[in-house]
PDB file of N, CA and C in Angstrom:
ATOM      1  N   UNK A   1      86.765 108.341 114.479  1.00  0.00           N
ATOM      2  CA  UNK A   1      86.505 107.774 113.145  1.00  0.00           C
ATOM      3  C   UNK A   1      87.456 108.384 112.113  1.00  0.00           C
ATOM      4  N   UNK A   2      87.931 107.559 111.211  1.00  0.00           N
ATOM      5  CA  UNK A   2      88.858 108.028 110.187  1.00  0.00           C
ATOM      6  C   UNK A   2      88.137 108.831 109.113  1.00  0.00           C
ATOM      7  N   UNK A   3      88.873 109.789 108.562  1.00  0.00           N
ATOM      8  CA  UNK A   3      88.293 110.570 107.474  1.00  0.00           C
ATOM      9  C   UNK A   3      88.180 109.692 106.232  1.00  0.00           C
ATOM     10  N   UNK A   4      87.258 110.062 105.361  1.00  0.00           N
ATOM     11  CA  UNK A   4      87.054 109.307 104.117  1.00  0.00           C
ATOM     12  C   UNK A   4      88.329 109.335 103.270  1.00  0.00           C
ATOM     13  N   UNK A   5      89.074 110.441 103.345  1.00  0.00           N
ATOM     14  CA  UNK A   5      90.315 110.558 102.574  1.00  0.00           C
ATOM     15  C   UNK A   5      91.376 109.586 103.038  1.00  0.00           C
ATOM     16  N   UNK A   6      91.583 109.478 104.348  1.00  0.00           N
ATOM     17  CA  UNK A   6      92.577 108.548 104.906  1.00  0.00           C
ATOM     18  C   UNK A   6      92.198 107.101 104.588  1.00  0.00           C
ATOM     19  N   UNK A   7      90.917 106.800 104.731  1.00  0.00           N
ATOM     20  CA  UNK A   7      90.425 105.464 104.418  1.00  0.00           C
ATOM     21  C   UNK A   7      90.671 105.149 102.945  1.00  0.00           C
ATOM     22  N   UNK A   8      90.405 106.128 102.093  1.00  0.00           N
ATOM     23  CA  UNK A   8      90.641 105.964 100.661  1.00  0.00           C
ATOM     24  C   UNK A   8      92.101 105.685 100.348  1.00  0.00           C
ATOM     25  N   UNK A   9      93.018 106.413 101.025  1.00  0.00           N
ATOM     26  CA  UNK A   9      94.451 106.208 100.804  1.00  0.00           C
ATOM     27  C   UNK A   9      94.868 104.804 101.231  1.00  0.00           C
ATOM     28  N   UNK A  10      94.336 104.335 102.349  1.00  0.00           N
ATOM     29  CA  UNK A  10      94.654 102.974 102.809  1.00  0.00           C
ATOM     30  C   UNK A  10      94.147 101.936 101.810  1.00  0.00           C
ATOM     31  N   UNK A  11      92.934 102.140 101.296  1.00  0.00           N
ATOM     32  CA  UNK A  11      92.370 101.213 100.303  1.00  0.00           C
ATOM     33  C   UNK A  11      93.169 101.246  98.998  1.00  0.00           C
ATOM     34  N   UNK A  12      93.600 102.444  98.594  1.00  0.00           N
ATOM     35  CA  UNK A  12      94.400 102.580  97.376  1.00  0.00           C
ATOM     36  C   UNK A  12      95.741 101.872  97.544  1.00  0.00           C
ATOM     37  N   UNK A  13      96.377 102.032  98.706  1.00  0.00           N
ATOM     38  CA  UNK A  13      97.662 101.371  98.969  1.00  0.00           C
ATOM     39  C   UNK A  13      97.492  99.857  98.913  1.00  0.00           C
ATOM     40  N   UNK A  14      96.438  99.347  99.535  1.00  0.00           N
ATOM     41  CA  UNK A  14      96.172  97.901  99.525  1.00  0.00           C
ATOM     42  C   UNK A  14      95.962  97.409  98.090  1.00  0.00           C
ATOM     43  N   UNK A  15      95.207  98.168  97.296  1.00  0.00           N
ATOM     44  CA  UNK A  15      94.955  97.830  95.896  1.00  0.00           C
ATOM     45  C   UNK A  15      96.280  97.755  95.121  1.00  0.00           C
ATOM     46  N   UNK A  16      97.142  98.746  95.330  1.00  0.00           N
ATOM     47  CA  UNK A  16      98.424  98.776  94.616  1.00  0.00           C
ATOM     48  C   UNK A  16      99.290  97.572  94.993  1.00  0.00           C
ATOM     49  N   UNK A  17      99.379  97.280  96.287  1.00  0.00           N
ATOM     50  CA  UNK A  17     100.181  96.142  96.747  1.00  0.00           C
ATOM     51  C   UNK A  17      99.648  94.842  96.132  1.00  0.00           C
ATOM     52  N   UNK A  18      98.332  94.691  96.118  1.00  0.00           N
ATOM     53  CA  UNK A  18      97.715  93.492  95.519  1.00  0.00           C
ATOM     54  C   UNK A  18      98.060  93.353  94.040  1.00  0.00           C
ATOM     55  N   UNK A  19      98.340  94.491  93.398  1.00  0.00           N
ATOM     56  CA  UNK A  19      98.634  94.488  91.965  1.00  0.00           C
ATOM     57  C   UNK A  19     100.124  94.612  91.671  1.00  0.00           C
ATOM     58  N   UNK A  20     100.960  94.264  92.660  1.00  0.00           N
ATOM     59  CA  UNK A  20     102.394  94.165  92.400  1.00  0.00           C
ATOM     60  C   UNK A  20     103.212  95.421  92.609  1.00  0.00           C
ATOM     61  N   UNK A  21     102.632  96.446  93.182  1.00  0.00           N
ATOM     62  CA  UNK A  21     103.373  97.671  93.462  1.00  0.00           C
ATOM     63  C   UNK A  21     104.004  97.577  94.846  1.00  0.00           C
ATOM     64  N   UNK A  22     105.136  98.240  95.019  1.00  0.00           N
ATOM     65  CA  UNK A  22     105.776  98.327  96.330  1.00  0.00           C
ATOM     66  C   UNK A  22     105.593  99.758  96.828  1.00  0.00           C
ATOM     67  N   UNK A  23     104.966  99.917  97.993  1.00  0.00           N
ATOM     68  CA  UNK A  23     104.754 101.256  98.561  1.00  0.00           C
ATOM     69  C   UNK A  23     106.061 101.727  99.203  1.00  0.00           C
ATOM     70  N   UNK A  24     106.552 102.874  98.770  1.00  0.00           N
ATOM     71  CA  UNK A  24     107.794 103.434  99.309  1.00  0.00           C
ATOM     72  C   UNK A  24     107.516 104.523 100.340  1.00  0.00           C
ATOM     73  N   UNK A  25     106.487 105.314 100.109  1.00  0.00           N
ATOM     74  CA  UNK A  25     106.159 106.420 101.007  1.00  0.00           C
ATOM     75  C   UNK A  25     104.644 106.640 101.008  1.00  0.00           C
ATOM     76  N   UNK A  26     104.140 107.086 102.144  1.00  0.00           N
ATOM     77  CA  UNK A  26     102.756 107.542 102.235  1.00  0.00           C
ATOM     78  C   UNK A  26     102.784 108.952 102.791  1.00  0.00           C
ATOM     79  N   UNK A  27     102.022 109.841 102.203  1.00  0.00           N
ATOM     80  CA  UNK A  27     101.917 111.231 102.636  1.00  0.00           C
ATOM     81  C   UNK A  27     103.281 111.922 102.682  1.00  0.00           C
ATOM     82  N   UNK A  28     104.029 111.797 101.597  1.00  0.00           N
ATOM     83  CA  UNK A  28     105.325 112.470 101.470  1.00  0.00           C
ATOM     84  C   UNK A  28     105.096 113.967 101.341  1.00  0.00           C
ATOM     85  N   UNK A  29     105.807 114.749 102.151  1.00  0.00           N
ATOM     86  CA  UNK A  29     105.636 116.201 102.139  1.00  0.00           C
ATOM     87  C   UNK A  29     106.906 116.921 101.699  1.00  0.00           C
ATOM     88  N   UNK A  30     106.704 117.938 100.878  1.00  0.00           N
ATOM     89  CA  UNK A  30     107.770 118.868 100.507  1.00  0.00           C
ATOM     90  C   UNK A  30     107.154 120.257 100.529  1.00  0.00           C
ATOM     91  N   UNK A  31     107.642 121.092 101.436  1.00  0.00           N
ATOM     92  CA  UNK A  31     107.065 122.424 101.656  1.00  0.00           C
ATOM     93  C   UNK A  31     105.557 122.288 101.867  1.00  0.00           C
ATOM     94  N   UNK A  32     104.741 122.897 101.034  1.00  0.00           N
ATOM     95  CA  UNK A  32     103.281 122.820 101.219  1.00  0.00           C
ATOM     96  C   UNK A  32     102.643 121.720 100.374  1.00  0.00           C
ATOM     97  N   UNK A  33     103.451 120.991  99.645  1.00  0.00           N
ATOM     98  CA  UNK A  33     102.939 119.944  98.755  1.00  0.00           C
ATOM     99  C   UNK A  33     102.951 118.590  99.446  1.00  0.00           C
ATOM    100  N   UNK A  34     102.013 117.743  99.050  1.00  0.00           N
ATOM    101  CA  UNK A  34     101.966 116.382  99.580  1.00  0.00           C
ATOM    102  C   UNK A  34     101.648 115.411  98.454  1.00  0.00           C
ATOM    103  N   UNK A  35     102.352 114.275  98.485  1.00  0.00           N
ATOM    104  CA  UNK A  35     102.061 113.183  97.558  1.00  0.00           C
ATOM    105  C   UNK A  35     101.477 112.065  98.398  1.00  0.00           C
ATOM    106  N   UNK A  36     100.282 111.619  98.042  1.00  0.00           N
ATOM    107  CA  UNK A  36      99.592 110.600  98.845  1.00  0.00           C
ATOM    108  C   UNK A  36     100.386 109.306  98.933  1.00  0.00           C
ATOM    109  N   UNK A  37     100.798 108.780  97.786  1.00  0.00           N
ATOM    110  CA  UNK A  37     101.529 107.518  97.752  1.00  0.00           C
ATOM    111  C   UNK A  37     102.660 107.600  96.736  1.00  0.00           C
ATOM    112  N   UNK A  38     103.811 107.078  97.117  1.00  0.00           N
ATOM    113  CA  UNK A  38     104.915 106.919  96.177  1.00  0.00           C
ATOM    114  C   UNK A  38     105.221 105.433  96.173  1.00  0.00           C
ATOM    115  N   UNK A  39     105.233 104.858  94.971  1.00  0.00           N
ATOM    116  CA  UNK A  39     105.474 103.423  94.888  1.00  0.00           C
ATOM    117  C   UNK A  39     106.370 103.109  93.689  1.00  0.00           C
ATOM    118  N   UNK A  40     106.762 101.853  93.626  1.00  0.00           N
ATOM    119  CA  UNK A  40     107.583 101.422  92.495  1.00  0.00           C
ATOM    120  C   UNK A  40     107.018 100.124  91.928  1.00  0.00           C
ATOM    121  N   UNK A  41     107.248  99.967  90.643  1.00  0.00           N
ATOM    122  CA  UNK A  41     106.843  98.743  89.941  1.00  0.00           C
ATOM    123  C   UNK A  41     107.527  98.753  88.583  1.00  0.00           C
ATOM    124  N   UNK A  42     108.076  97.624  88.191  1.00  0.00           N
ATOM    125  CA  UNK A  42     108.735  97.492  86.880  1.00  0.00           C
ATOM    126  C   UNK A  42     109.751  98.607  86.618  1.00  0.00           C
ATOM    127  N   UNK A  43     110.599  98.881  87.600  1.00  0.00           N
ATOM    128  CA  UNK A  43     111.653  99.907  87.489  1.00  0.00           C
ATOM    129  C   UNK A  43     111.119 101.315  87.246  1.00  0.00           C
ATOM    130  N   UNK A  44     109.868 101.553  87.593  1.00  0.00           N
ATOM    131  CA  UNK A  44     109.282 102.885  87.495  1.00  0.00           C
ATOM    132  C   UNK A  44     109.037 103.419  88.901  1.00  0.00           C
ATOM    133  N   UNK A  45     109.213 104.703  89.073  1.00  0.00           N
ATOM    134  CA  UNK A  45     108.833 105.390  90.305  1.00  0.00           C
ATOM    135  C   UNK A  45     107.489 106.044  90.004  1.00  0.00           C
ATOM    136  N   UNK A  46     106.487 105.735  90.814  1.00  0.00           N
ATOM    137  CA  UNK A  46     105.123 106.164  90.508  1.00  0.00           C
ATOM    138  C   UNK A  46     104.576 107.005  91.654  1.00  0.00           C
ATOM    139  N   UNK A  47     104.118 108.196  91.310  1.00  0.00           N
ATOM    140  CA  UNK A  47     103.547 109.142  92.274  1.00  0.00           C
ATOM    141  C   UNK A  47     102.036 109.093  92.108  1.00  0.00           C
ATOM    142  N   UNK A  48     101.337 108.819  93.204  1.00  0.00           N
ATOM    143  CA  UNK A  48      99.903 108.561  93.115  1.00  0.00           C
ATOM    144  C   UNK A  48      99.112 109.558  93.959  1.00  0.00           C
ATOM    145  N   UNK A  49      98.154 110.210  93.331  1.00  0.00           N
ATOM    146  CA  UNK A  49      97.201 111.077  94.027  1.00  0.00           C
ATOM    147  C   UNK A  49      95.914 110.279  94.184  1.00  0.00           C
ATOM    148  N   UNK A  50      95.414 110.229  95.419  1.00  0.00           N
ATOM    149  CA  UNK A  50      94.193 109.482  95.700  1.00  0.00           C
ATOM    150  C   UNK A  50      93.069 110.481  95.959  1.00  0.00           C
ATOM    151  N   UNK A  51      91.970 110.307  95.259  1.00  0.00           N
ATOM    152  CA  UNK A  51      90.789 111.162  95.470  1.00  0.00           C
ATOM    153  C   UNK A  51      89.609 110.270  95.831  1.00  0.00           C
ATOM    154  N   UNK A  52      89.047 110.529  96.994  1.00  0.00           N
ATOM    155  CA  UNK A  52      87.914 109.740  97.466  1.00  0.00           C
ATOM    156  C   UNK A  52      86.721 110.654  97.654  1.00  0.00           C
ATOM    157  N   UNK A  53      85.586 110.237  97.159  1.00  0.00           N
ATOM    158  CA  UNK A  53      84.366 111.024  97.298  1.00  0.00           C
ATOM    159  C   UNK A  53      83.209 110.104  97.670  1.00  0.00           C
ATOM    160  N   UNK A  54      82.247 110.665  98.370  1.00  0.00           N
ATOM    161  CA  UNK A  54      81.064 109.878  98.726  1.00  0.00           C
ATOM    162  C   UNK A  54      79.871 110.281  97.855  1.00  0.00           C
ATOM    163  N   UNK A  55      80.114 111.222  96.958  1.00  0.00           N
ATOM    164  CA  UNK A  55      79.048 111.656  96.056  1.00  0.00           C
ATOM    165  C   UNK A  55      79.658 112.043  94.718  1.00  0.00           C
ATOM    166  N   UNK A  56      78.937 111.794  93.652  1.00  0.00           N
ATOM    167  CA  UNK A  56      79.379 112.231  92.327  1.00  0.00           C
ATOM    168  C   UNK A  56      78.595 113.465  91.881  1.00  0.00           C
ATOM    169  N   UNK A  57      77.934 114.088  92.834  1.00  0.00           N
ATOM    170  CA  UNK A  57      77.095 115.248  92.511  1.00  0.00           C
ATOM    171  C   UNK A  57      77.884 116.361  91.816  1.00  0.00           C
ATOM    172  N   UNK A  58      79.160 116.506  92.179  1.00  0.00           N
ATOM    173  CA  UNK A  58      79.968 117.581  91.593  1.00  0.00           C
ATOM    174  C   UNK A  58      80.983 117.059  90.595  1.00  0.00           C
ATOM    175  N   UNK A  59      80.864 115.793  90.220  1.00  0.00           N
ATOM    176  CA  UNK A  59      81.774 115.197  89.243  1.00  0.00           C
ATOM    177  C   UNK A  59      82.490 113.987  89.811  1.00  0.00           C
ATOM    178  N   UNK A  60      83.199 113.293  88.953  1.00  0.00           N
ATOM    179  CA  UNK A  60      83.956 112.114  89.365  1.00  0.00           C
ATOM    180  C   UNK A  60      85.155 112.515  90.208  1.00  0.00           C
ATOM    181  N   UNK A  61      85.598 111.641  91.131  1.00  0.00           N
ATOM    182  CA  UNK A  61      86.704 111.988  92.026  1.00  0.00           C
ATOM    183  C   UNK A  61      87.961 112.462  91.298  1.00  0.00           C
ATOM    184  N   UNK A  62      88.302 111.807  90.182  1.00  0.00           N
ATOM    185  CA  UNK A  62      89.532 112.160  89.469  1.00  0.00           C
ATOM    186  C   UNK A  62      89.521 113.579  88.907  1.00  0.00           C
ATOM    187  N   UNK A  63      88.332 114.141  88.711  1.00  0.00           N
ATOM    188  CA  UNK A  63      88.243 115.502  88.152  1.00  0.00           C
ATOM    189  C   UNK A  63      88.612 116.573  89.179  1.00  0.00           C
ATOM    190  N   UNK A  64      88.861 116.158  90.427  1.00  0.00           N
ATOM    191  CA  UNK A  64      89.209 117.121  91.476  1.00  0.00           C
ATOM    192  C   UNK A  64      90.719 117.335  91.627  1.00  0.00           C
ATOM    193  N   UNK A  65      91.512 116.821  90.712  1.00  0.00           N
ATOM    194  CA  UNK A  65      92.953 117.054  90.741  1.00  0.00           C
ATOM    195  C   UNK A  65      93.227 118.236  89.805  1.00  0.00           C
ATOM    196  N   UNK A  66      93.322 119.421  90.398  1.00  0.00           N
ATOM    197  CA  UNK A  66      93.480 120.646  89.615  1.00  0.00           C
ATOM    198  C   UNK A  66      94.892 120.760  89.035  1.00  0.00           C
ATOM    199  N   UNK A  67      95.047 121.664  88.067  1.00  0.00           N
ATOM    200  CA  UNK A  67      96.367 121.910  87.478  1.00  0.00           C
ATOM    201  C   UNK A  67      97.335 122.403  88.555  1.00  0.00           C
ATOM    202  N   UNK A  68      96.856 123.238  89.454  1.00  0.00           N
ATOM    203  CA  UNK A  68      97.687 123.751  90.547  1.00  0.00           C
ATOM    204  C   UNK A  68      98.168 122.596  91.435  1.00  0.00           C
ATOM    205  N   UNK A  69      97.268 121.667  91.727  1.00  0.00           N
ATOM    206  CA  UNK A  69      97.636 120.510  92.549  1.00  0.00           C
ATOM    207  C   UNK A  69      98.618 119.610  91.791  1.00  0.00           C
ATOM    208  N   UNK A  70      98.391 119.421  90.498  1.00  0.00           N
ATOM    209  CA  UNK A  70      99.325 118.635  89.685  1.00  0.00           C
ATOM    210  C   UNK A  70     100.721 119.252  89.729  1.00  0.00           C
ATOM    211  N   UNK A  71     100.797 120.568  89.572  1.00  0.00           N
ATOM    212  CA  UNK A  71     102.083 121.270  89.599  1.00  0.00           C
ATOM    213  C   UNK A  71     102.780 121.084  90.945  1.00  0.00           C
ATOM    214  N   UNK A  72     102.013 121.132  92.028  1.00  0.00           N
ATOM    215  CA  UNK A  72     102.571 120.948  93.371  1.00  0.00           C
ATOM    216  C   UNK A  72     103.097 119.519  93.542  1.00  0.00           C
ATOM    217  N   UNK A  73     102.353 118.546  93.035  1.00  0.00           N
ATOM    218  CA  UNK A  73     102.783 117.147  93.113  1.00  0.00           C
ATOM    219  C   UNK A  73     104.068 116.954  92.309  1.00  0.00           C
ATOM    220  N   UNK A  74     104.141 117.551  91.141  1.00  0.00           N
ATOM    221  CA  UNK A  74     105.334 117.438  90.291  1.00  0.00           C
ATOM    222  C   UNK A  74     106.549 118.051  90.999  1.00  0.00           C
ATOM    223  N   UNK A  75     106.373 119.212  91.643  1.00  0.00           N
ATOM    224  CA  UNK A  75     107.484 119.838  92.385  1.00  0.00           C
ATOM    225  C   UNK A  75     107.957 118.924  93.521  1.00  0.00           C
ATOM    226  N   UNK A  76     107.020 118.364  94.254  1.00  0.00           N
ATOM    227  CA  UNK A  76     107.371 117.452  95.353  1.00  0.00           C
ATOM    228  C   UNK A  76     108.059 116.203  94.804  1.00  0.00           C
ATOM    229  N   UNK A  77     107.582 115.706  93.671  1.00  0.00           N
ATOM    230  CA  UNK A  77     108.189 114.525  93.044  1.00  0.00           C
ATOM    231  C   UNK A  77     109.635 114.808  92.636  1.00  0.00           C
ATOM    232  N   UNK A  78     109.866 115.998  92.089  1.00  0.00           N
ATOM    233  CA  UNK A  78     111.228 116.379  91.704  1.00  0.00           C
ATOM    234  C   UNK A  78     112.146 116.373  92.921  1.00  0.00           C
ATOM    235  N   UNK A  79     111.668 116.897  94.045  1.00  0.00           N
ATOM    236  CA  UNK A  79     112.446 116.912  95.276  1.00  0.00           C
ATOM    237  C   UNK A  79     112.728 115.483  95.752  1.00  0.00           C
ATOM    238  N   UNK A  80     111.725 114.635  95.705  1.00  0.00           N
ATOM    239  CA  UNK A  80     111.883 113.242  96.127  1.00  0.00           C
ATOM    240  C   UNK A  80     112.945 112.548  95.269  1.00  0.00           C
ATOM    241  N   UNK A  81     112.903 112.785  93.963  1.00  0.00           N
ATOM    242  CA  UNK A  81     113.873 112.152  93.060  1.00  0.00           C
ATOM    243  C   UNK A  81     115.292 112.627  93.355  1.00  0.00           C
ATOM    244  N   UNK A  82     115.447 113.892  93.719  1.00  0.00           N
ATOM    245  CA  UNK A  82     116.765 114.417  94.108  1.00  0.00           C
ATOM    246  C   UNK A  82     117.228 113.740  95.404  1.00  0.00           C
ATOM    247  N   UNK A  83     116.323 113.679  96.392  1.00  0.00           N
ATOM    248  CA  UNK A  83     116.648 113.040  97.683  1.00  0.00           C
ATOM    249  C   UNK A  83     117.109 111.604  97.497  1.00  0.00           C
ATOM    250  N   UNK A  84     116.439 110.875  96.629  1.00  0.00           N
ATOM    251  CA  UNK A  84     116.718 109.446  96.442  1.00  0.00           C
ATOM    252  C   UNK A  84     117.697 109.177  95.302  1.00  0.00           C
ATOM    253  N   UNK A  85     118.180 110.240  94.650  1.00  0.00           N
ATOM    254  CA  UNK A  85     119.100 110.115  93.521  1.00  0.00           C
ATOM    255  C   UNK A  85     118.516 109.197  92.442  1.00  0.00           C
ATOM    256  N   UNK A  86     117.213 109.397  92.156  1.00  0.00           N
ATOM    257  CA  UNK A  86     116.494 108.583  91.172  1.00  0.00           C
ATOM    258  C   UNK A  86     116.751 109.093  89.765  1.00  0.00           C
ATOM    259  N   UNK A  87     117.141 108.176  88.881  1.00  0.00           N
ATOM    260  CA  UNK A  87     117.397 108.570  87.491  1.00  0.00           C
ATOM    261  C   UNK A  87     116.590 107.736  86.501  1.00  0.00           C
ATOM    262  N   UNK A  88     115.682 106.898  87.027  1.00  0.00           N
ATOM    263  CA  UNK A  88     114.886 106.039  86.150  1.00  0.00           C
ATOM    264  C   UNK A  88     113.603 106.723  85.698  1.00  0.00           C
ATOM    265  N   UNK A  89     112.716 105.937  85.155  1.00  0.00           N
ATOM    266  CA  UNK A  89     111.444 106.434  84.653  1.00  0.00           C
ATOM    267  C   UNK A  89     110.473 106.765  85.782  1.00  0.00           C
ATOM    268  N   UNK A  90     109.557 107.661  85.483  1.00  0.00           N
ATOM    269  CA  UNK A  90     108.539 108.054  86.465  1.00  0.00           C
ATOM    270  C   UNK A  90     107.158 108.087  85.814  1.00  0.00           C
ATOM    271  N   UNK A  91     106.145 108.093  86.669  1.00  0.00           N
ATOM    272  CA  UNK A  91     104.769 108.184  86.183  1.00  0.00           C
ATOM    273  C   UNK A  91     103.922 108.826  87.268  1.00  0.00           C
ATOM    274  N   UNK A  92     102.887 109.527  86.840  1.00  0.00           N
ATOM    275  CA  UNK A  92     101.942 110.147  87.768  1.00  0.00           C
ATOM    276  C   UNK A  92     100.573 109.526  87.554  1.00  0.00           C
ATOM    277  N   UNK A  93     100.046 108.902  88.601  1.00  0.00           N
ATOM    278  CA  UNK A  93      98.760 108.217  88.523  1.00  0.00           C
ATOM    279  C   UNK A  93      97.741 108.889  89.435  1.00  0.00           C
ATOM    280  N   UNK A  94      96.492 108.644  89.149  1.00  0.00           N
ATOM    281  CA  UNK A  94      95.398 109.049  90.043  1.00  0.00           C
ATOM    282  C   UNK A  94      94.588 107.794  90.346  1.00  0.00           C
ATOM    283  N   UNK A  95      94.265 107.616  91.612  1.00  0.00           N
ATOM    284  CA  UNK A  95      93.323 106.570  91.983  1.00  0.00           C
ATOM    285  C   UNK A  95      92.081 107.283  92.491  1.00  0.00           C
ATOM    286  N   UNK A  96      90.971 107.043  91.804  1.00  0.00           N
ATOM    287  CA  UNK A  96      89.692 107.656  92.163  1.00  0.00           C
ATOM    288  C   UNK A  96      88.843 106.616  92.869  1.00  0.00           C
ATOM    289  N   UNK A  97      88.340 106.994  94.038  1.00  0.00           N
ATOM    290  CA  UNK A  97      87.507 106.079  94.807  1.00  0.00           C
ATOM    291  C   UNK A  97      86.171 106.762  95.081  1.00  0.00           C
ATOM    292  N   UNK A  98      85.133 106.052  94.757  1.00  0.00           N
ATOM    293  CA  UNK A  98      83.773 106.538  95.020  1.00  0.00           C
ATOM    294  C   UNK A  98      83.147 105.577  96.016  1.00  0.00           C
ATOM    295  N   UNK A  99      82.836 106.082  97.188  1.00  0.00           N
ATOM    296  CA  UNK A  99      82.232 105.251  98.235  1.00  0.00           C
ATOM    297  C   UNK A  99      80.757 105.572  98.356  1.00  0.00           C
ATOM    298  N   UNK A 100      79.955 104.526  98.328  1.00  0.00           N
ATOM    299  CA  UNK A 100      78.517 104.702  98.544  1.00  0.00           C
ATOM    300  C   UNK A 100      78.101 103.642  99.542  1.00  0.00           C
ATOM    301  N   UNK A 101      77.949 104.053 100.793  1.00  0.00           N
ATOM    302  CA  UNK A 101      77.669 103.083 101.859  1.00  0.00           C
ATOM    303  C   UNK A 101      78.867 102.178 102.023  1.00  0.00           C
ATOM    304  N   UNK A 102      78.623 100.877 101.996  1.00  0.00           N
ATOM    305  CA  UNK A 102      79.726  99.915 102.110  1.00  0.00           C
ATOM    306  C   UNK A 102      80.366  99.613 100.757  1.00  0.00           C
ATOM    307  N   UNK A 103      79.678  99.949  99.703  1.00  0.00           N
ATOM    308  CA  UNK A 103      80.195  99.670  98.362  1.00  0.00           C
ATOM    309  C   UNK A 103      81.284 100.678  98.009  1.00  0.00           C
ATOM    310  N   UNK A 104      82.236 100.211  97.208  1.00  0.00           N
ATOM    311  CA  UNK A 104      83.323 101.089  96.798  1.00  0.00           C
ATOM    312  C   UNK A 104      83.691 100.803  95.354  1.00  0.00           C
ATOM    313  N   UNK A 105      83.870 101.860  94.619  1.00  0.00           N
ATOM    314  CA  UNK A 105      84.287 101.753  93.220  1.00  0.00           C
ATOM    315  C   UNK A 105      85.668 102.387  93.138  1.00  0.00           C
ATOM    316  N   UNK A 106      86.685 101.636  92.721  1.00  0.00           N
ATOM    317  CA  UNK A 106      88.049 102.154  92.624  1.00  0.00           C
ATOM    318  C   UNK A 106      88.488 102.091  91.172  1.00  0.00           C
ATOM    319  N   UNK A 107      88.976 103.228  90.659  1.00  0.00           N
ATOM    320  CA  UNK A 107      89.485 103.280  89.286  1.00  0.00           C
ATOM    321  C   UNK A 107      90.901 103.822  89.331  1.00  0.00           C
ATOM    322  N   UNK A 108      91.823 103.096  88.688  1.00  0.00           N
ATOM    323  CA  UNK A 108      93.241 103.478  88.653  1.00  0.00           C
ATOM    324  C   UNK A 108      93.568 104.069  87.287  1.00  0.00           C
ATOM    325  N   UNK A 109      93.918 105.359  87.272  1.00  0.00           N
ATOM    326  CA  UNK A 109      94.284 106.048  86.036  1.00  0.00           C
ATOM    327  C   UNK A 109      95.807 106.108  85.978  1.00  0.00           C
ATOM    328  N   UNK A 110      96.399 105.269  85.136  1.00  0.00           N
ATOM    329  CA  UNK A 110      97.851 105.279  84.985  1.00  0.00           C
ATOM    330  C   UNK A 110      98.248 106.419  84.050  1.00  0.00           C
ATOM    331  N   UNK A 111      99.403 107.029  84.349  1.00  0.00           N
ATOM    332  CA  UNK A 111      99.932 108.107  83.507  1.00  0.00           C
ATOM    333  C   UNK A 111      98.892 109.209  83.319  1.00  0.00           C
ATOM    334  N   UNK A 112      98.288 109.640  84.416  1.00  0.00           N
ATOM    335  CA  UNK A 112      97.152 110.560  84.381  1.00  0.00           C
ATOM    336  C   UNK A 112      97.525 111.997  84.042  1.00  0.00           C
ATOM    337  N   UNK A 113      98.746 112.384  84.377  1.00  0.00           N
ATOM    338  CA  UNK A 113      99.189 113.758  84.069  1.00  0.00           C
ATOM    339  C   UNK A 113     100.682 113.856  84.073  1.00  0.00           C
ATOM    340  N   UNK A 114     101.202 115.029  83.652  1.00  0.00           N
ATOM    341  CA  UNK A 114     102.607 115.445  83.639  1.00  0.00           C
ATOM    342  C   UNK A 114     102.951 116.054  82.324  1.00  0.00           C
TER     343      UNK A 114
END
């Protein structure tokens, strides 16, 4: 059985594609950092952190992206931009997914940090 996190990433990718985004990378790694999804839309390079939770007991999924994790994502994004010789605009998004049984609530936070 797939982990809730992997399932969430697949659902987030499908959501982005449905909304006109092009997925460039999934689970991009640089040293110890990982970016869940890297996509493009409207000449922007967008780095997406996906947080999936089955309970809101400890807060909403998006609140689990710590400053340390944001910094790690930004470092990995910088490396990716160097690798791809990217000089255009960028954005950092969070997709929060709350799963309760078969129901799913997905919220896309554009320009969530940086």
